Amino acid sequence: MLLPRLPWVETIAVDMGTWQTHICVRGHGVVVREPSLVAYAAERRRPLAFGTEARKMLQRGVEGVTVVQPVRGGMVADFDAAVAMLRHFLHQATGRRLIFSPDVLTCISAGVTSVQRRAAHGALHSAGTGRVNIVETPLAVALGAGVGLNVSRACLVVDIGAGVTDVGVFCEGMVTSATFIPFGGDNLDEAIVRGVKRRQGQTISRTMAETLKLQVGSLNGYAGRGGSASAAKTTNHNSAMMPGLPEVDVSAIPEILAEGLTPLVDELRWILENLPRQQRAEVEEEGILLSGGCSLLDGLESYLARQLGLPVTTATDPMSCTILGLETILEDLSALSLGGRRFQRPAG
C-alpha cells in the first residue's frame, strides 16, 4: 500500500524486526508490512529486490541471487543491507524520494549493548532519516495490545519474535522492568531440524522445519513427557500434503517443540522468581500477555499456562502490537518521559 505522494513526512515509526519490517506514518497508519529481506545479484552485491519480492526469489532459488536477512536475533547483523532495505521501505512509505529527513520513532530490546543500539540508530540515519527516538520494545508492545494504560496492577508482556523475545512488566503506563531473551521462532526451527535428525535419521532444511512448525506444529493437549499430544493436530497431516518434504513422522513434533521451548520457559520462570514481591503477586493474578509471530504457534498459550502456573492470553493482533504501540506513541511524543518508559493516555 502506498500513500498519496507527500512532499515531506514529519515523523514516522519503524519496527525493523528479524522477519518483518513495519512502517507507520503519523496520520496515515501502518503503510508498510514487508519481510526483512534483501535480494542481491551475487556477483556484484547489487540490490535487486526487497521484502516480498526478495522472499519469492528465496523460495524459488533463483540462480545468481543471494538473499540476505539484515536483522538477526532482533539486532542489525548486516549494516549495509539494513540501510538499503530501510531506504527502499521509506521511499515506499512516503511514495517518493525523501525531500526532508523525517524524524523516526523506533524500538529496541531493553538491555542491548551500546554497540547494538548505535547500529540500529546508524542504519536509520544512513537510510535518510533525521532525529531518531528510541523506546523499549515492551512499552510499544503493551500499548499496541491496548493494555495497561489505566490498569494499576502489573502484567507481564512477552513478545516472542523470530529472533528474540522481549519481556517487560507493565503497570500504569510504565515499564517498570524489562529485558530480552535470545530466543525466538528461529530457535524452534533449529530444534525441529535437530529433533527430526535425532529421532528419525532424516535431514531436513530450516525452510522445511518452518513448514512443519506452521502446518503441523501444535502443543494442544501436550502434557509433557509421559503425556500425549492431540491426535487431531498430528495424525491428520503427512508429507504427501506438503510437497518437497521427506517422509517425517509428525507425531513427534509436539515433543520436539516442547523441548525447544525449554530455554524460554526456564528464563520466564527466572524472571518471575526475581520480581519484587508485590509485582510478582500481581503478575501471578493478572497473568501474561503474549504477542509476536511465535505466539501464534498452536497451543502455545495453554502450554505456557500449564508450565508457569499463570493465566496466559494472546493479543488480538499479535503480529502488529509493536508497530501499533509505536503509532500510539507517535500521536503524542510529548507524553513520553523517564527515558521513554512512561506513557499516559492524553486527557480527554
C-alpha atoms as a PDB file:
ATOM      1  CA  MET A   1       0.000   0.000   0.000  1.00  0.00           C
ATOM      2  CA  LEU A   2       1.358   3.431  -0.955  1.00  0.00           C
ATOM      3  CA  LEU A   3       0.366   6.800   0.417  1.00  0.00           C
ATOM      4  CA  PRO A   4      -0.536   9.713  -1.805  1.00  0.00           C
ATOM      5  CA  ARG A   5       2.716  11.416  -2.669  1.00  0.00           C
ATOM      6  CA  LEU A   6       3.750  13.628   0.200  1.00  0.00           C
ATOM      7  CA  PRO A   7       6.369  16.388  -0.108  1.00  0.00           C
ATOM      8  CA  TRP A   8       7.628  15.565   3.377  1.00  0.00           C
ATOM      9  CA  VAL A   9       6.788  13.496   6.399  1.00  0.00           C
ATOM     10  CA  GLU A  10       7.284  14.978   9.863  1.00  0.00           C
ATOM     11  CA  THR A  11       7.527  11.820  11.939  1.00  0.00           C
ATOM     12  CA  ILE A  12       7.321   8.132  11.167  1.00  0.00           C
ATOM     13  CA  ALA A  13       7.614   4.942  13.204  1.00  0.00           C
ATOM     14  CA  VAL A  14       9.742   1.995  12.144  1.00  0.00           C
ATOM     15  CA  ASP A  15       9.692  -1.515  13.585  1.00  0.00           C
ATOM     16  CA  MET A  16      12.580  -3.389  11.990  1.00  0.00           C
ATOM     17  CA  GLY A  17      12.139  -6.989  13.067  1.00  0.00           C
ATOM     18  CA  THR A  18      14.039 -10.160  12.306  1.00  0.00           C
ATOM     19  CA  TRP A  19      11.457 -11.377   9.797  1.00  0.00           C
ATOM     20  CA  GLN A  20       9.236  -8.380   9.131  1.00  0.00           C
ATOM     21  CA  THR A  21       9.551  -4.608   8.932  1.00  0.00           C
ATOM     22  CA  HIS A  22       6.636  -2.262   9.589  1.00  0.00           C
ATOM     23  CA  ILE A  23       6.486   1.469   8.941  1.00  0.00           C
ATOM     24  CA  CYS A  24       3.789   3.814  10.213  1.00  0.00           C
ATOM     25  CA  VAL A  25       3.289   7.403   9.081  1.00  0.00           C
ATOM     26  CA  ARG A  26       1.568   9.711  11.551  1.00  0.00           C
ATOM     27  CA  GLY A  27      -1.984  10.383  10.431  1.00  0.00           C
ATOM     28  CA  HIS A  28      -1.921   7.573   7.844  1.00  0.00           C
ATOM     29  CA  GLY A  29      -1.422   4.428   9.924  1.00  0.00           C
ATOM     30  CA  VAL A  30       0.720   1.429   9.034  1.00  0.00           C
ATOM     31  CA  VAL A  31       1.716   1.719   5.378  1.00  0.00           C
ATOM     32  CA  VAL A  32       4.494  -0.874   5.043  1.00  0.00           C
ATOM     33  CA  ARG A  33       4.395  -4.528   6.111  1.00  0.00           C
ATOM     34  CA  GLU A  34       7.232  -6.338   4.375  1.00  0.00           C
ATOM     35  CA  PRO A  35       9.600  -9.252   5.068  1.00  0.00           C
ATOM     36  CA  SER A  36      13.011  -8.052   6.282  1.00  0.00           C
ATOM     37  CA  LEU A  37      14.892  -9.420   3.278  1.00  0.00           C
ATOM     38  CA  VAL A  38      17.185  -8.065   0.560  1.00  0.00           C
ATOM     39  CA  ALA A  39      17.997  -9.943  -2.657  1.00  0.00           C
ATOM     40  CA  TYR A  40      21.395  -9.241  -4.240  1.00  0.00           C
ATOM     41  CA  ALA A  41      22.973 -10.077  -7.557  1.00  0.00           C
ATOM     42  CA  ALA A  42      25.599 -12.428  -6.149  1.00  0.00           C
ATOM     43  CA  GLU A  43      28.483 -11.347  -8.352  1.00  0.00           C
ATOM     44  CA  ARG A  44      28.260  -7.588  -7.704  1.00  0.00           C
ATOM     45  CA  ARG A  45      26.419  -7.245  -4.391  1.00  0.00           C
ATOM     46  CA  ARG A  46      23.828  -5.102  -6.143  1.00  0.00           C
ATOM     47  CA  PRO A  47      20.325  -4.963  -4.557  1.00  0.00           C
ATOM     48  CA  LEU A  48      17.729  -6.494  -6.863  1.00  0.00           C
ATOM     49  CA  ALA A  49      14.634  -6.777  -4.686  1.00  0.00           C
ATOM     50  CA  PHE A  50      13.337  -6.174  -1.181  1.00  0.00           C
ATOM     51  CA  GLY A  51      10.675  -7.609   1.071  1.00  0.00           C
ATOM     52  CA  THR A  52       8.067  -9.796  -0.595  1.00  0.00           C
ATOM     53  CA  GLU A  53       9.873  -9.893  -3.937  1.00  0.00           C
ATOM     54  CA  ALA A  54      13.097 -10.959  -2.237  1.00  0.00           C
ATOM     55  CA  ARG A  55      11.218 -13.724  -0.408  1.00  0.00           C
ATOM     56  CA  LYS A  56       9.847 -15.014  -3.715  1.00  0.00           C
ATOM     57  CA  MET A  57      13.384 -15.195  -5.080  1.00  0.00           C
ATOM     58  CA  LEU A  58      14.484 -17.080  -1.961  1.00  0.00           C
ATOM     59  CA  GLN A  59      11.627 -19.572  -2.253  1.00  0.00           C
ATOM     60  CA  ARG A  60      12.263 -20.145  -5.955  1.00  0.00           C
ATOM     61  CA  GLY A  61      16.019 -20.465  -5.510  1.00  0.00           C
ATOM     62  CA  VAL A  62      16.771 -18.027  -8.339  1.00  0.00           C
ATOM     63  CA  GLU A  63      20.247 -18.684  -9.733  1.00  0.00           C
ATOM     64  CA  GLY A  64      22.826 -15.939  -9.236  1.00  0.00           C
ATOM     65  CA  VAL A  65      20.808 -14.303  -6.460  1.00  0.00           C
ATOM     66  CA  THR A  66      21.738 -14.153  -2.785  1.00  0.00           C
ATOM     67  CA  VAL A  67      19.028 -13.281  -0.276  1.00  0.00           C
ATOM     68  CA  VAL A  68      20.227 -11.545   2.890  1.00  0.00           C
ATOM     69  CA  GLN A  69      18.462 -11.161   6.246  1.00  0.00           C
ATOM     70  CA  PRO A  70      19.770  -7.810   7.576  1.00  0.00           C
ATOM     71  CA  VAL A  71      18.348  -8.340  11.076  1.00  0.00           C
ATOM     72  CA  ARG A  72      19.102 -11.480  13.052  1.00  0.00           C
ATOM     73  CA  GLY A  73      18.342 -12.147  16.664  1.00  0.00           C
ATOM     74  CA  GLY A  74      16.467  -8.854  16.775  1.00  0.00           C
ATOM     75  CA  MET A  75      19.668  -6.890  16.035  1.00  0.00           C
ATOM     76  CA  VAL A  76      21.223  -5.366  12.910  1.00  0.00           C
ATOM     77  CA  ALA A  77      23.547  -8.062  11.562  1.00  0.00           C
ATOM     78  CA  ASP A  78      24.314  -6.676   8.070  1.00  0.00           C
ATOM     79  CA  PHE A  79      24.560  -2.891   8.263  1.00  0.00           C
ATOM     80  CA  ASP A  80      24.753  -2.160   4.534  1.00  0.00           C
ATOM     81  CA  ALA A  81      21.814  -4.443   3.744  1.00  0.00           C
ATOM     82  CA  ALA A  82      19.789  -2.860   6.560  1.00  0.00           C
ATOM     83  CA  VAL A  83      20.446   0.631   5.187  1.00  0.00           C
ATOM     84  CA  ALA A  84      19.488  -0.387   1.640  1.00  0.00           C
ATOM     85  CA  MET A  85      16.314  -2.092   2.871  1.00  0.00           C
ATOM     86  CA  LEU A  86      15.264   0.821   5.080  1.00  0.00           C
ATOM     87  CA  ARG A  87      15.904   3.345   2.316  1.00  0.00           C
ATOM     88  CA  HIS A  88      13.673   1.335  -0.036  1.00  0.00           C
ATOM     89  CA  PHE A  89      10.879   0.921   2.514  1.00  0.00           C
ATOM     90  CA  LEU A  90      10.996   4.603   3.498  1.00  0.00           C
ATOM     91  CA  HIS A  91      10.624   5.510  -0.163  1.00  0.00           C
ATOM     92  CA  GLN A  92       7.710   3.085  -0.397  1.00  0.00           C
ATOM     93  CA  ALA A  93       6.087   4.572   2.726  1.00  0.00           C
ATOM     94  CA  THR A  94       6.223   8.177   1.523  1.00  0.00           C
ATOM     95  CA  GLY A  95       5.514   7.498  -2.136  1.00  0.00           C
ATOM     96  CA  ARG A  96       8.545   9.419  -3.331  1.00  0.00           C
ATOM     97  CA  ARG A  97      12.143  10.221  -2.514  1.00  0.00           C
ATOM     98  CA  LEU A  98      12.529  11.984   0.825  1.00  0.00           C
ATOM     99  CA  ILE A  99      12.897  15.738   0.397  1.00  0.00           C
ATOM    100  CA  PHE A 100      13.168  16.380   4.122  1.00  0.00           C
ATOM    101  CA  SER A 101      14.651  13.934   6.577  1.00  0.00           C
ATOM    102  CA  PRO A 102      11.780  12.730   8.794  1.00  0.00           C
ATOM    103  CA  ASP A 103      12.180  12.164  12.491  1.00  0.00           C
ATOM    104  CA  VAL A 104      11.843   8.488  13.369  1.00  0.00           C
ATOM    105  CA  LEU A 105      10.458   6.644  16.352  1.00  0.00           C
ATOM    106  CA  THR A 106      11.698   3.090  16.711  1.00  0.00           C
ATOM    107  CA  CYS A 107      12.097   0.479  19.418  1.00  0.00           C
ATOM    108  CA  ILE A 108      14.852  -1.802  20.581  1.00  0.00           C
ATOM    109  CA  SER A 109      15.131  -4.565  23.155  1.00  0.00           C
ATOM    110  CA  ALA A 110      15.843  -3.476  26.716  1.00  0.00           C
ATOM    111  CA  GLY A 111      19.335  -4.313  27.875  1.00  0.00           C
ATOM    112  CA  VAL A 112      21.037  -4.442  24.476  1.00  0.00           C
ATOM    113  CA  THR A 113      24.609  -3.220  24.229  1.00  0.00           C
ATOM    114  CA  SER A 114      25.501   0.318  23.232  1.00  0.00           C
ATOM    115  CA  VAL A 115      27.037  -1.092  20.034  1.00  0.00           C
ATOM    116  CA  GLN A 116      23.751  -2.743  19.060  1.00  0.00           C
ATOM    117  CA  ARG A 117      21.813   0.415  19.868  1.00  0.00           C
ATOM    118  CA  ARG A 118      24.191   2.525  17.748  1.00  0.00           C
ATOM    119  CA  ALA A 119      23.857   0.052  14.864  1.00  0.00           C
ATOM    120  CA  ALA A 120      20.069   0.467  14.790  1.00  0.00           C
ATOM    121  CA  HIS A 121      20.361   4.248  15.118  1.00  0.00           C
ATOM    122  CA  GLY A 122      23.062   4.418  12.448  1.00  0.00           C
ATOM    123  CA  ALA A 123      21.149   2.286   9.950  1.00  0.00           C
ATOM    124  CA  LEU A 124      18.086   4.522  10.196  1.00  0.00           C
ATOM    125  CA  HIS A 125      20.142   7.710   9.951  1.00  0.00           C
ATOM    126  CA  SER A 126      22.142   6.400   6.965  1.00  0.00           C
ATOM    127  CA  ALA A 127      18.882   5.482   5.228  1.00  0.00           C
ATOM    128  CA  GLY A 128      17.911   9.163   5.167  1.00  0.00           C
ATOM    129  CA  THR A 129      16.148   9.896   8.444  1.00  0.00           C
ATOM    130  CA  GLY A 130      16.689  12.787  10.819  1.00  0.00           C
ATOM    131  CA  ARG A 131      16.430  12.538  14.592  1.00  0.00           C
ATOM    132  CA  VAL A 132      15.904   9.001  15.885  1.00  0.00           C
ATOM    133  CA  ASN A 133      13.866   8.455  19.052  1.00  0.00           C
ATOM    134  CA  ILE A 134      14.203   5.005  20.650  1.00  0.00           C
ATOM    135  CA  VAL A 135      11.859   3.369  23.166  1.00  0.00           C
ATOM    136  CA  GLU A 136      11.998  -0.094  24.675  1.00  0.00           C
ATOM    137  CA  THR A 137      10.060  -2.776  22.820  1.00  0.00           C
ATOM    138  CA  PRO A 138       7.890  -3.949  25.776  1.00  0.00           C
ATOM    139  CA  LEU A 139       6.429  -0.436  26.064  1.00  0.00           C
ATOM    140  CA  ALA A 140       5.391  -0.425  22.406  1.00  0.00           C
ATOM    141  CA  VAL A 141       4.027  -3.982  22.637  1.00  0.00           C
ATOM    142  CA  ALA A 142       1.886  -3.239  25.687  1.00  0.00           C
ATOM    143  CA  LEU A 143       0.464  -0.063  24.175  1.00  0.00           C
ATOM    144  CA  GLY A 144      -0.172  -1.819  20.866  1.00  0.00           C
ATOM    145  CA  ALA A 145      -2.082  -4.554  22.666  1.00  0.00           C
ATOM    146  CA  GLY A 146      -4.239  -1.897  24.329  1.00  0.00           C
ATOM    147  CA  VAL A 147      -3.493  -2.869  27.922  1.00  0.00           C
ATOM    148  CA  GLY A 148      -2.033  -1.229  30.975  1.00  0.00           C
ATOM    149  CA  LEU A 149      -2.810   2.453  30.430  1.00  0.00           C
ATOM    150  CA  ASN A 150      -5.479   2.593  33.118  1.00  0.00           C
ATOM    151  CA  VAL A 151      -4.612  -0.595  34.996  1.00  0.00           C
ATOM    152  CA  SER A 152      -2.893  -0.236  38.351  1.00  0.00           C
ATOM    153  CA  ARG A 153      -1.880  -3.897  38.634  1.00  0.00           C
ATOM    154  CA  ALA A 154       1.206  -5.254  36.889  1.00  0.00           C
ATOM    155  CA  CYS A 155       1.090  -7.666  33.980  1.00  0.00           C
ATOM    156  CA  LEU A 156       3.933  -9.394  32.161  1.00  0.00           C
ATOM    157  CA  VAL A 157       4.255  -8.663  28.447  1.00  0.00           C
ATOM    158  CA  VAL A 158       6.080 -11.368  26.460  1.00  0.00           C
ATOM    159  CA  ASP A 159       6.732 -10.620  22.784  1.00  0.00           C
ATOM    160  CA  ILE A 160       8.107 -13.739  21.033  1.00  0.00           C
ATOM    161  CA  GLY A 161       9.520 -12.807  17.667  1.00  0.00           C
ATOM    162  CA  ALA A 162      11.548 -14.741  15.143  1.00  0.00           C
ATOM    163  CA  GLY A 163      14.907 -13.936  16.694  1.00  0.00           C
ATOM    164  CA  VAL A 164      14.359 -12.528  20.183  1.00  0.00           C
ATOM    165  CA  THR A 165      11.797 -12.461  22.992  1.00  0.00           C
ATOM    166  CA  ASP A 166      11.171  -9.135  24.719  1.00  0.00           C
ATOM    167  CA  VAL A 167       9.832  -9.264  28.261  1.00  0.00           C
ATOM    168  CA  GLY A 168       8.567  -6.375  30.353  1.00  0.00           C
ATOM    169  CA  VAL A 169       6.460  -5.694  33.432  1.00  0.00           C
ATOM    170  CA  PHE A 170       3.875  -3.069  32.540  1.00  0.00           C
ATOM    171  CA  CYS A 171       1.850  -1.112  35.095  1.00  0.00           C
ATOM    172  CA  GLU A 172       0.031   2.259  34.967  1.00  0.00           C
ATOM    173  CA  GLY A 173       1.555   3.218  31.646  1.00  0.00           C
ATOM    174  CA  MET A 174       5.070   2.391  32.777  1.00  0.00           C
ATOM    175  CA  VAL A 175       7.510  -0.388  32.010  1.00  0.00           C
ATOM    176  CA  THR A 176       8.893  -0.990  35.497  1.00  0.00           C
ATOM    177  CA  SER A 177      11.409  -3.618  34.397  1.00  0.00           C
ATOM    178  CA  ALA A 178      12.371  -5.090  31.036  1.00  0.00           C
ATOM    179  CA  THR A 179      14.830  -7.487  29.457  1.00  0.00           C
ATOM    180  CA  PHE A 180      15.205  -9.690  26.421  1.00  0.00           C
ATOM    181  CA  ILE A 181      15.772 -13.404  25.908  1.00  0.00           C
ATOM    182  CA  PRO A 182      17.865 -14.539  22.906  1.00  0.00           C
ATOM    183  CA  PHE A 183      15.134 -16.944  21.812  1.00  0.00           C
ATOM    184  CA  GLY A 184      12.545 -16.873  19.039  1.00  0.00           C
ATOM    185  CA  GLY A 185      10.779 -18.798  16.314  1.00  0.00           C
ATOM    186  CA  ASP A 186      14.083 -19.424  14.531  1.00  0.00           C
ATOM    187  CA  ASN A 187      15.224 -21.452  17.543  1.00  0.00           C
ATOM    188  CA  LEU A 188      12.162 -23.673  17.205  1.00  0.00           C
ATOM    189  CA  ASP A 189      13.009 -24.267  13.543  1.00  0.00           C
ATOM    190  CA  GLU A 190      16.506 -25.352  14.580  1.00  0.00           C
ATOM    191  CA  ALA A 191      15.008 -27.608  17.267  1.00  0.00           C
ATOM    192  CA  ILE A 192      12.851 -29.336  14.641  1.00  0.00           C
ATOM    193  CA  VAL A 193      15.860 -29.874  12.368  1.00  0.00           C
ATOM    194  CA  ARG A 194      17.815 -31.444  15.237  1.00  0.00           C
ATOM    195  CA  GLY A 195      14.868 -33.394  16.598  1.00  0.00           C
ATOM    196  CA  VAL A 196      13.917 -34.981  13.272  1.00  0.00           C
ATOM    197  CA  LYS A 197      17.554 -35.895  12.641  1.00  0.00           C
ATOM    198  CA  ARG A 198      17.989 -37.424  16.107  1.00  0.00           C
ATOM    199  CA  ARG A 199      14.702 -39.335  16.209  1.00  0.00           C
ATOM    200  CA  GLN A 200      14.202 -40.348  12.585  1.00  0.00           C
ATOM    201  CA  GLY A 201      17.601 -40.015  10.935  1.00  0.00           C
ATOM    202  CA  GLN A 202      16.124 -37.562   8.414  1.00  0.00           C
ATOM    203  CA  THR A 203      17.977 -34.415   7.393  1.00  0.00           C
ATOM    204  CA  ILE A 204      15.646 -31.529   6.634  1.00  0.00           C
ATOM    205  CA  SER A 205      16.340 -27.879   5.852  1.00  0.00           C
ATOM    206  CA  ARG A 206      15.400 -24.907   8.011  1.00  0.00           C
ATOM    207  CA  THR A 207      12.757 -23.998   5.444  1.00  0.00           C
ATOM    208  CA  MET A 208      11.246 -27.475   5.718  1.00  0.00           C
ATOM    209  CA  ALA A 209      11.367 -27.240   9.507  1.00  0.00           C
ATOM    210  CA  GLU A 210       9.487 -23.940   9.404  1.00  0.00           C
ATOM    211  CA  THR A 211       6.854 -25.521   7.158  1.00  0.00           C
ATOM    212  CA  LEU A 212       6.408 -28.360   9.641  1.00  0.00           C
ATOM    213  CA  LYS A 213       6.117 -25.885  12.512  1.00  0.00           C
ATOM    214  CA  LEU A 214       3.476 -23.835  10.724  1.00  0.00           C
ATOM    215  CA  GLN A 215       1.433 -26.666   9.199  1.00  0.00           C
ATOM    216  CA  VAL A 216       1.525 -29.445  11.794  1.00  0.00           C
ATOM    217  CA  GLY A 217       3.199 -27.875  14.816  1.00  0.00           C
ATOM    218  CA  SER A 218       0.877 -27.974  17.813  1.00  0.00           C
ATOM    219  CA  LEU A 219       1.163 -28.107  21.577  1.00  0.00           C
ATOM    220  CA  ASN A 220      -2.558 -28.580  22.098  1.00  0.00           C
ATOM    221  CA  GLY A 221      -3.072 -31.419  24.528  1.00  0.00           C
ATOM    222  CA  TYR A 222       0.645 -31.981  25.012  1.00  0.00           C
ATOM    223  CA  ALA A 223       1.225 -32.700  28.689  1.00  0.00           C
ATOM    224  CA  GLY A 224       4.995 -33.145  28.682  1.00  0.00           C
ATOM    225  CA  ARG A 225       6.992 -36.341  28.847  1.00  0.00           C
ATOM    226  CA  GLY A 226       4.739 -39.275  29.515  1.00  0.00           C
ATOM    227  CA  GLY A 227       1.728 -37.291  28.318  1.00  0.00           C
ATOM    228  CA  SER A 228       0.064 -37.336  24.950  1.00  0.00           C
ATOM    229  CA  ALA A 229      -0.428 -34.945  22.085  1.00  0.00           C
ATOM    230  CA  SER A 230      -3.680 -34.031  20.443  1.00  0.00           C
ATOM    231  CA  ALA A 231      -4.099 -36.606  17.704  1.00  0.00           C
ATOM    232  CA  ALA A 232      -6.280 -34.259  15.704  1.00  0.00           C
ATOM    233  CA  LYS A 233      -3.337 -31.927  15.102  1.00  0.00           C
ATOM    234  CA  THR A 234      -0.721 -34.533  14.281  1.00  0.00           C
ATOM    235  CA  THR A 235      -2.085 -37.690  12.732  1.00  0.00           C
ATOM    236  CA  ASN A 236      -4.173 -35.979  10.051  1.00  0.00           C
ATOM    237  CA  HIS A 237      -1.112 -34.489   8.353  1.00  0.00           C
ATOM    238  CA  ASN A 238       1.585 -36.194   6.363  1.00  0.00           C
ATOM    239  CA  SER A 239       4.345 -35.276   3.973  1.00  0.00           C
ATOM    240  CA  ALA A 240       2.135 -36.015   0.979  1.00  0.00           C
ATOM    241  CA  MET A 241       0.220 -32.846   1.841  1.00  0.00           C
ATOM    242  CA  MET A 242       3.447 -30.844   1.899  1.00  0.00           C
ATOM    243  CA  PRO A 243       5.292 -31.216  -1.425  1.00  0.00           C
ATOM    244  CA  GLY A 244       9.053 -31.292  -1.124  1.00  0.00           C
ATOM    245  CA  LEU A 245       9.124 -32.620   2.415  1.00  0.00           C
ATOM    246  CA  PRO A 246      10.697 -36.000   3.173  1.00  0.00           C
ATOM    247  CA  GLU A 247       8.702 -38.685   4.967  1.00  0.00           C
ATOM    248  CA  VAL A 248       8.572 -37.305   8.502  1.00  0.00           C
ATOM    249  CA  ASP A 249       6.677 -38.796  11.423  1.00  0.00           C
ATOM    250  CA  VAL A 250       4.842 -35.660  12.513  1.00  0.00           C
ATOM    251  CA  SER A 251       3.601 -37.261  15.733  1.00  0.00           C
ATOM    252  CA  ALA A 252       6.968 -36.376  17.279  1.00  0.00           C
ATOM    253  CA  ILE A 253       6.665 -32.642  16.517  1.00  0.00           C
ATOM    254  CA  PRO A 254       4.800 -31.650  19.741  1.00  0.00           C
ATOM    255  CA  GLU A 255       7.535 -33.171  21.918  1.00  0.00           C
ATOM    256  CA  ILE A 256      10.253 -31.574  19.781  1.00  0.00           C
ATOM    257  CA  LEU A 257       8.571 -28.177  20.111  1.00  0.00           C
ATOM    258  CA  ALA A 258       8.169 -28.595  23.872  1.00  0.00           C
ATOM    259  CA  GLU A 259      11.851 -29.443  24.229  1.00  0.00           C
ATOM    260  CA  GLY A 260      12.737 -26.468  22.039  1.00  0.00           C
ATOM    261  CA  LEU A 261      10.703 -24.163  24.287  1.00  0.00           C
ATOM    262  CA  THR A 262      12.582 -25.228  27.439  1.00  0.00           C
ATOM    263  CA  PRO A 263      15.050 -22.275  27.369  1.00  0.00           C
ATOM    264  CA  LEU A 264      12.169 -19.801  27.078  1.00  0.00           C
ATOM    265  CA  VAL A 265      10.160 -21.422  29.883  1.00  0.00           C
ATOM    266  CA  ASP A 266      13.212 -21.549  32.165  1.00  0.00           C
ATOM    267  CA  GLU A 267      14.032 -17.869  31.547  1.00  0.00           C
ATOM    268  CA  LEU A 268      10.434 -16.790  32.188  1.00  0.00           C
ATOM    269  CA  ARG A 269      10.423 -18.745  35.457  1.00  0.00           C
ATOM    270  CA  TRP A 270      13.641 -17.000  36.492  1.00  0.00           C
ATOM    271  CA  ILE A 271      12.224 -13.577  35.628  1.00  0.00           C
ATOM    272  CA  LEU A 272       9.063 -14.268  37.633  1.00  0.00           C
ATOM    273  CA  GLU A 273      11.020 -15.526  40.631  1.00  0.00           C
ATOM    274  CA  ASN A 274      13.128 -12.366  40.706  1.00  0.00           C
ATOM    275  CA  LEU A 275      10.315  -9.835  40.533  1.00  0.00           C
ATOM    276  CA  PRO A 276       9.662  -7.720  43.635  1.00  0.00           C
ATOM    277  CA  ARG A 277       7.149  -9.458  45.894  1.00  0.00           C
ATOM    278  CA  GLN A 278       4.206  -7.158  45.159  1.00  0.00           C
ATOM    279  CA  GLN A 279       4.780  -7.168  41.402  1.00  0.00           C
ATOM    280  CA  ARG A 280       5.120 -10.936  41.372  1.00  0.00           C
ATOM    281  CA  ALA A 281       1.833 -11.329  43.268  1.00  0.00           C
ATOM    282  CA  GLU A 282       0.070  -9.034  40.802  1.00  0.00           C
ATOM    283  CA  VAL A 283       1.552 -10.773  37.757  1.00  0.00           C
ATOM    284  CA  GLU A 284       0.531 -14.161  39.141  1.00  0.00           C
ATOM    285  CA  GLU A 285      -3.034 -12.855  39.302  1.00  0.00           C
ATOM    286  CA  GLU A 286      -3.134 -10.749  36.135  1.00  0.00           C
ATOM    287  CA  GLY A 287      -1.061 -13.185  34.076  1.00  0.00           C
ATOM    288  CA  ILE A 288       0.988 -12.957  30.914  1.00  0.00           C
ATOM    289  CA  LEU A 289       0.165 -11.246  27.628  1.00  0.00           C
ATOM    290  CA  LEU A 290       1.718 -12.900  24.564  1.00  0.00           C
ATOM    291  CA  SER A 291       2.477 -11.185  21.271  1.00  0.00           C
ATOM    292  CA  GLY A 292       4.821 -11.647  18.328  1.00  0.00           C
ATOM    293  CA  GLY A 293       4.643 -14.080  15.436  1.00  0.00           C
ATOM    294  CA  CYS A 294       5.692 -17.090  17.502  1.00  0.00           C
ATOM    295  CA  SER A 295       2.743 -16.550  19.855  1.00  0.00           C
ATOM    296  CA  LEU A 296       0.539 -17.885  17.034  1.00  0.00           C
ATOM    297  CA  LEU A 297       2.002 -21.377  17.478  1.00  0.00           C
ATOM    298  CA  ASP A 298      -0.984 -23.629  18.043  1.00  0.00           C
ATOM    299  CA  GLY A 299      -1.429 -24.470  21.717  1.00  0.00           C
ATOM    300  CA  LEU A 300       1.401 -22.243  22.994  1.00  0.00           C
ATOM    301  CA  GLU A 301      -0.884 -20.173  25.183  1.00  0.00           C
ATOM    302  CA  SER A 302      -2.244 -23.157  27.132  1.00  0.00           C
ATOM    303  CA  TYR A 303       1.178 -24.852  27.230  1.00  0.00           C
ATOM    304  CA  LEU A 304       2.859 -21.862  28.863  1.00  0.00           C
ATOM    305  CA  ALA A 305      -0.053 -21.514  31.283  1.00  0.00           C
ATOM    306  CA  ARG A 306       0.476 -25.108  32.411  1.00  0.00           C
ATOM    307  CA  GLN A 307       4.256 -24.763  32.646  1.00  0.00           C
ATOM    308  CA  LEU A 308       4.253 -21.452  34.528  1.00  0.00           C
ATOM    309  CA  GLY A 309       1.048 -21.841  36.536  1.00  0.00           C
ATOM    310  CA  LEU A 310      -0.228 -18.434  35.389  1.00  0.00           C
ATOM    311  CA  PRO A 311      -3.100 -17.247  33.206  1.00  0.00           C
ATOM    312  CA  VAL A 312      -1.822 -16.584  29.680  1.00  0.00           C
ATOM    313  CA  THR A 313      -3.633 -14.674  26.938  1.00  0.00           C
ATOM    314  CA  THR A 314      -2.641 -13.674  23.407  1.00  0.00           C
ATOM    315  CA  ALA A 315      -3.074 -10.197  21.966  1.00  0.00           C
ATOM    316  CA  THR A 316      -5.800  -9.718  19.367  1.00  0.00           C
ATOM    317  CA  ASP A 317      -3.302  -8.822  16.631  1.00  0.00           C
ATOM    318  CA  PRO A 318      -0.003 -10.243  17.943  1.00  0.00           C
ATOM    319  CA  MET A 319       1.921  -9.614  14.717  1.00  0.00           C
ATOM    320  CA  SER A 320       1.186  -5.869  14.824  1.00  0.00           C
ATOM    321  CA  CYS A 321       1.411  -4.981  18.516  1.00  0.00           C
ATOM    322  CA  THR A 322       4.823  -3.336  18.267  1.00  0.00           C
ATOM    323  CA  ILE A 323       4.065  -1.032  15.351  1.00  0.00           C
ATOM    324  CA  LEU A 324       0.595  -0.210  16.704  1.00  0.00           C
ATOM    325  CA  GLY A 325       2.203   0.754  20.000  1.00  0.00           C
ATOM    326  CA  LEU A 326       4.720   2.948  18.208  1.00  0.00           C
ATOM    327  CA  GLU A 327       1.809   4.547  16.350  1.00  0.00           C
ATOM    328  CA  THR A 328       0.130   5.314  19.686  1.00  0.00           C
ATOM    329  CA  ILE A 329       3.302   6.999  20.960  1.00  0.00           C
ATOM    330  CA  LEU A 330       3.765   8.775  17.627  1.00  0.00           C
ATOM    331  CA  GLU A 331       0.481  10.612  18.119  1.00  0.00           C
ATOM    332  CA  ASP A 332       1.790  12.283  21.274  1.00  0.00           C
ATOM    333  CA  LEU A 333       5.565  12.099  21.651  1.00  0.00           C
ATOM    334  CA  SER A 334       5.492  14.737  24.397  1.00  0.00           C
ATOM    335  CA  ALA A 335       3.786  12.204  26.683  1.00  0.00           C
ATOM    336  CA  LEU A 336       6.986  10.187  26.892  1.00  0.00           C
ATOM    337  CA  SER A 337       9.154  10.629  29.956  1.00  0.00           C
ATOM    338  CA  LEU A 338      11.540   8.645  32.147  1.00  0.00           C
ATOM    339  CA  GLY A 339      13.778   7.803  29.217  1.00  0.00           C
ATOM    340  CA  GLY A 340      10.876   6.675  27.070  1.00  0.00           C
ATOM    341  CA  ARG A 341       9.483   4.303  29.658  1.00  0.00           C
ATOM    342  CA  ARG A 342       6.250   6.066  30.603  1.00  0.00           C
ATOM    343  CA  PHE A 343       3.211   6.903  28.522  1.00  0.00           C
ATOM    344  CA  GLN A 344      -0.114   8.209  29.794  1.00  0.00           C
ATOM    345  CA  ARG A 345      -3.315   8.424  27.782  1.00  0.00           C
ATOM    346  CA  PRO A 346      -3.868  12.039  26.670  1.00  0.00           C
ATOM    347  CA  ALA A 347      -6.575  13.883  28.627  1.00  0.00           C
ATOM    348  CA  GLY A 348      -9.997  13.839  27.057  1.00  0.00           C
END
